[in-house]
Amino acid sequence: MNELLTNFKADEENEIRSQAKDMGHTFIQLTPEEQNQWDTAVASASDKWIEENEALGKPAGKVFEKAKELAKKYSN
């Protein structure tokens, strides 16, 4: 089942990319160094969101970590 879903996701992503390219959109693949720069740049925004929501009694840190875990799991 997992393989079926993975293949579906890849096919769907390829179709969406193809349609976007046909519409004239450009895709840029970041190098690992560029990705690290973006990760560093946005880290403070995430930290601020977590801090503000934790102050309201929400489990923002746990939610954020789970979101990162799921993003990593499903981005491959």
N, C-alpha and C. Protein backbone atom coordinates (compact mmCIF):
# COMPACT_ATOMS: atom_id res chain seq x y z
N MET A 1 0.82 -1.19 0.00
CA MET A 1 0.00 0.00 0.00
C MET A 1 0.86 1.25 0.00
N ASN A 2 1.91 1.25 0.83
CA ASN A 2 2.79 2.41 0.91
C ASN A 2 3.44 2.69 -0.45
N GLU A 3 3.85 1.65 -1.15
CA GLU A 3 4.48 1.82 -2.46
C GLU A 3 3.46 2.41 -3.45
N LEU A 4 2.23 1.96 -3.39
CA LEU A 4 1.18 2.48 -4.26
C LEU A 4 0.97 3.97 -4.02
N LEU A 5 0.90 4.37 -2.75
CA LEU A 5 0.72 5.78 -2.42
C LEU A 5 1.92 6.61 -2.85
N THR A 6 3.11 6.07 -2.66
CA THR A 6 4.32 6.78 -3.07
C THR A 6 4.33 7.01 -4.57
N ASN A 7 3.98 5.97 -5.33
CA ASN A 7 3.93 6.10 -6.79
C ASN A 7 2.86 7.09 -7.22
N PHE A 8 1.70 7.06 -6.55
CA PHE A 8 0.63 8.00 -6.86
C PHE A 8 1.11 9.43 -6.63
N LYS A 9 1.76 9.65 -5.51
CA LYS A 9 2.25 10.99 -5.18
C LYS A 9 3.24 11.46 -6.23
N ALA A 10 4.16 10.60 -6.64
CA ALA A 10 5.16 10.97 -7.64
C ALA A 10 4.49 11.29 -8.97
N ASP A 11 3.54 10.47 -9.38
CA ASP A 11 2.83 10.71 -10.64
C ASP A 11 2.06 12.03 -10.59
N GLU A 12 1.39 12.27 -9.47
CA GLU A 12 0.63 13.50 -9.31
C GLU A 12 1.56 14.72 -9.34
N GLU A 13 2.68 14.62 -8.66
CA GLU A 13 3.64 15.73 -8.64
C GLU A 13 4.18 16.00 -10.04
N ASN A 14 4.51 14.95 -10.77
CA ASN A 14 5.01 15.12 -12.13
C ASN A 14 3.97 15.79 -13.03
N GLU A 15 2.72 15.41 -12.88
CA GLU A 15 1.64 16.01 -13.68
C GLU A 15 1.48 17.49 -13.35
N ILE A 16 1.51 17.81 -12.08
CA ILE A 16 1.36 19.21 -11.66
C ILE A 16 2.54 20.04 -12.16
N ARG A 17 3.75 19.52 -12.05
CA ARG A 17 4.92 20.23 -12.55
C ARG A 17 4.83 20.44 -14.05
N SER A 18 4.39 19.43 -14.77
CA SER A 18 4.26 19.53 -16.22
C SER A 18 3.26 20.61 -16.60
N GLN A 19 2.13 20.63 -15.92
CA GLN A 19 1.12 21.65 -16.19
C GLN A 19 1.64 23.04 -15.87
N ALA A 20 2.35 23.17 -14.76
CA ALA A 20 2.90 24.47 -14.38
C ALA A 20 3.94 24.95 -15.39
N LYS A 21 4.79 24.03 -15.86
CA LYS A 21 5.79 24.40 -16.87
C LYS A 21 5.11 24.83 -18.17
N ASP A 22 4.02 24.13 -18.55
CA ASP A 22 3.26 24.51 -19.74
C ASP A 22 2.68 25.90 -19.61
N MET A 23 2.42 26.31 -18.37
CA MET A 23 1.87 27.65 -18.10
C MET A 23 2.97 28.71 -18.03
N GLY A 24 4.24 28.28 -18.16
CA GLY A 24 5.34 29.21 -18.15
C GLY A 24 6.04 29.41 -16.82
N HIS A 25 5.69 28.60 -15.84
CA HIS A 25 6.33 28.72 -14.53
C HIS A 25 7.73 28.11 -14.57
N THR A 26 8.62 28.65 -13.73
CA THR A 26 9.99 28.18 -13.65
C THR A 26 10.21 27.51 -12.30
N PHE A 27 10.94 26.40 -12.29
CA PHE A 27 11.28 25.70 -11.06
C PHE A 27 12.78 25.79 -10.85
N ILE A 28 13.17 26.06 -9.63
CA ILE A 28 14.58 26.16 -9.28
C ILE A 28 14.87 25.14 -8.19
N GLN A 29 15.85 24.29 -8.44
CA GLN A 29 16.25 23.31 -7.44
C GLN A 29 17.39 23.91 -6.61
N LEU A 30 17.15 24.06 -5.32
CA LEU A 30 18.17 24.63 -4.45
C LEU A 30 19.29 23.63 -4.21
N THR A 31 20.50 24.16 -4.10
CA THR A 31 21.62 23.33 -3.69
C THR A 31 21.48 23.09 -2.19
N PRO A 32 22.15 22.09 -1.64
CA PRO A 32 22.10 21.89 -0.18
C PRO A 32 22.54 23.14 0.59
N GLU A 33 23.53 23.85 0.08
CA GLU A 33 23.99 25.08 0.75
C GLU A 33 22.89 26.14 0.74
N GLU A 34 22.22 26.31 -0.40
CA GLU A 34 21.13 27.28 -0.48
C GLU A 34 19.98 26.89 0.45
N GLN A 35 19.68 25.60 0.51
CA GLN A 35 18.61 25.14 1.40
C GLN A 35 18.96 25.44 2.85
N ASN A 36 20.21 25.23 3.23
CA ASN A 36 20.65 25.55 4.59
C ASN A 36 20.49 27.04 4.89
N GLN A 37 20.79 27.87 3.91
CA GLN A 37 20.64 29.32 4.10
C GLN A 37 19.17 29.67 4.35
N TRP A 38 18.27 29.07 3.58
CA TRP A 38 16.83 29.32 3.78
C TRP A 38 16.37 28.79 5.13
N ASP A 39 16.84 27.61 5.48
CA ASP A 39 16.46 27.03 6.78
C ASP A 39 16.87 27.95 7.92
N THR A 40 18.07 28.50 7.83
CA THR A 40 18.55 29.42 8.86
C THR A 40 17.73 30.70 8.88
N ALA A 41 17.40 31.21 7.70
CA ALA A 41 16.66 32.47 7.60
C ALA A 41 15.26 32.37 8.19
N VAL A 42 14.60 31.24 8.01
CA VAL A 42 13.23 31.11 8.49
C VAL A 42 13.13 30.52 9.90
N ALA A 43 14.23 30.06 10.44
CA ALA A 43 14.20 29.44 11.77
C ALA A 43 13.67 30.40 12.82
N SER A 44 14.04 31.66 12.74
CA SER A 44 13.58 32.61 13.76
C SER A 44 12.07 32.81 13.69
N ALA A 45 11.49 32.73 12.48
CA ALA A 45 10.03 32.86 12.36
C ALA A 45 9.34 31.67 13.03
N SER A 46 9.88 30.49 12.83
CA SER A 46 9.31 29.30 13.47
C SER A 46 9.44 29.39 14.98
N ASP A 47 10.61 29.81 15.43
CA ASP A 47 10.84 29.95 16.87
C ASP A 47 9.86 30.94 17.49
N LYS A 48 9.61 32.03 16.78
CA LYS A 48 8.68 33.06 17.28
C LYS A 48 7.26 32.48 17.36
N TRP A 49 6.85 31.76 16.31
CA TRP A 49 5.51 31.15 16.31
C TRP A 49 5.36 30.17 17.46
N ILE A 50 6.37 29.35 17.66
CA ILE A 50 6.33 28.37 18.75
C ILE A 50 6.22 29.09 20.10
N GLU A 51 7.07 30.08 20.29
CA GLU A 51 7.08 30.82 21.56
C GLU A 51 5.72 31.47 21.83
N GLU A 52 5.16 32.14 20.82
CA GLU A 52 3.88 32.82 21.01
C GLU A 52 2.75 31.85 21.34
N ASN A 53 2.74 30.71 20.65
CA ASN A 53 1.66 29.76 20.86
C ASN A 53 1.84 28.93 22.13
N GLU A 54 3.07 28.65 22.49
CA GLU A 54 3.32 27.97 23.77
C GLU A 54 2.85 28.87 24.92
N ALA A 55 3.04 30.18 24.78
CA ALA A 55 2.59 31.13 25.81
C ALA A 55 1.07 31.11 25.96
N LEU A 56 0.37 30.70 24.91
CA LEU A 56 -1.09 30.59 24.96
C LEU A 56 -1.55 29.22 25.46
N GLY A 57 -0.58 28.38 25.83
CA GLY A 57 -0.90 27.06 26.35
C GLY A 57 -1.08 26.00 25.28
N LYS A 58 -0.69 26.31 24.06
CA LYS A 58 -0.82 25.34 22.97
C LYS A 58 0.48 24.56 22.81
N PRO A 59 0.41 23.30 22.39
CA PRO A 59 1.62 22.48 22.25
C PRO A 59 2.34 22.74 20.92
N ALA A 60 2.67 23.99 20.68
CA ALA A 60 3.24 24.40 19.39
C ALA A 60 4.55 23.69 19.07
N GLY A 61 5.40 23.51 20.06
CA GLY A 61 6.68 22.84 19.83
C GLY A 61 6.48 21.42 19.34
N LYS A 62 5.57 20.70 19.98
CA LYS A 62 5.28 19.31 19.58
C LYS A 62 4.66 19.28 18.18
N VAL A 63 3.75 20.20 17.91
CA VAL A 63 3.11 20.25 16.60
C VAL A 63 4.15 20.55 15.52
N PHE A 64 5.03 21.49 15.79
CA PHE A 64 6.05 21.87 14.81
C PHE A 64 6.99 20.70 14.53
N GLU A 65 7.42 20.01 15.58
CA GLU A 65 8.32 18.87 15.40
C GLU A 65 7.65 17.74 14.61
N LYS A 66 6.37 17.50 14.89
CA LYS A 66 5.63 16.47 14.15
C LYS A 66 5.49 16.87 12.68
N ALA A 67 5.23 18.14 12.42
CA ALA A 67 5.11 18.62 11.04
C ALA A 67 6.43 18.43 10.29
N LYS A 68 7.55 18.73 10.94
CA LYS A 68 8.86 18.53 10.30
C LYS A 68 9.10 17.05 10.03
N GLU A 69 8.73 16.21 10.99
CA GLU A 69 8.90 14.77 10.84
C GLU A 69 8.09 14.26 9.63
N LEU A 70 6.85 14.69 9.52
CA LEU A 70 6.00 14.26 8.42
C LEU A 70 6.48 14.80 7.08
N ALA A 71 6.94 16.04 7.08
CA ALA A 71 7.48 16.62 5.84
C ALA A 71 8.67 15.84 5.35
N LYS A 72 9.54 15.47 6.27
CA LYS A 72 10.73 14.69 5.89
C LYS A 72 10.32 13.32 5.39
N LYS A 73 9.38 12.69 6.09
CA LYS A 73 8.95 11.34 5.72
C LYS A 73 8.33 11.33 4.33
N TYR A 74 7.52 12.31 4.00
CA TYR A 74 6.78 12.28 2.75
C TYR A 74 7.44 13.10 1.62
N SER A 75 8.59 13.69 1.88
CA SER A 75 9.25 14.44 0.81
C SER A 75 10.15 13.55 -0.02
N ASN A 76 10.38 12.34 0.40
CA ASN A 76 11.23 11.40 -0.35
C ASN A 76 10.45 10.59 -1.34
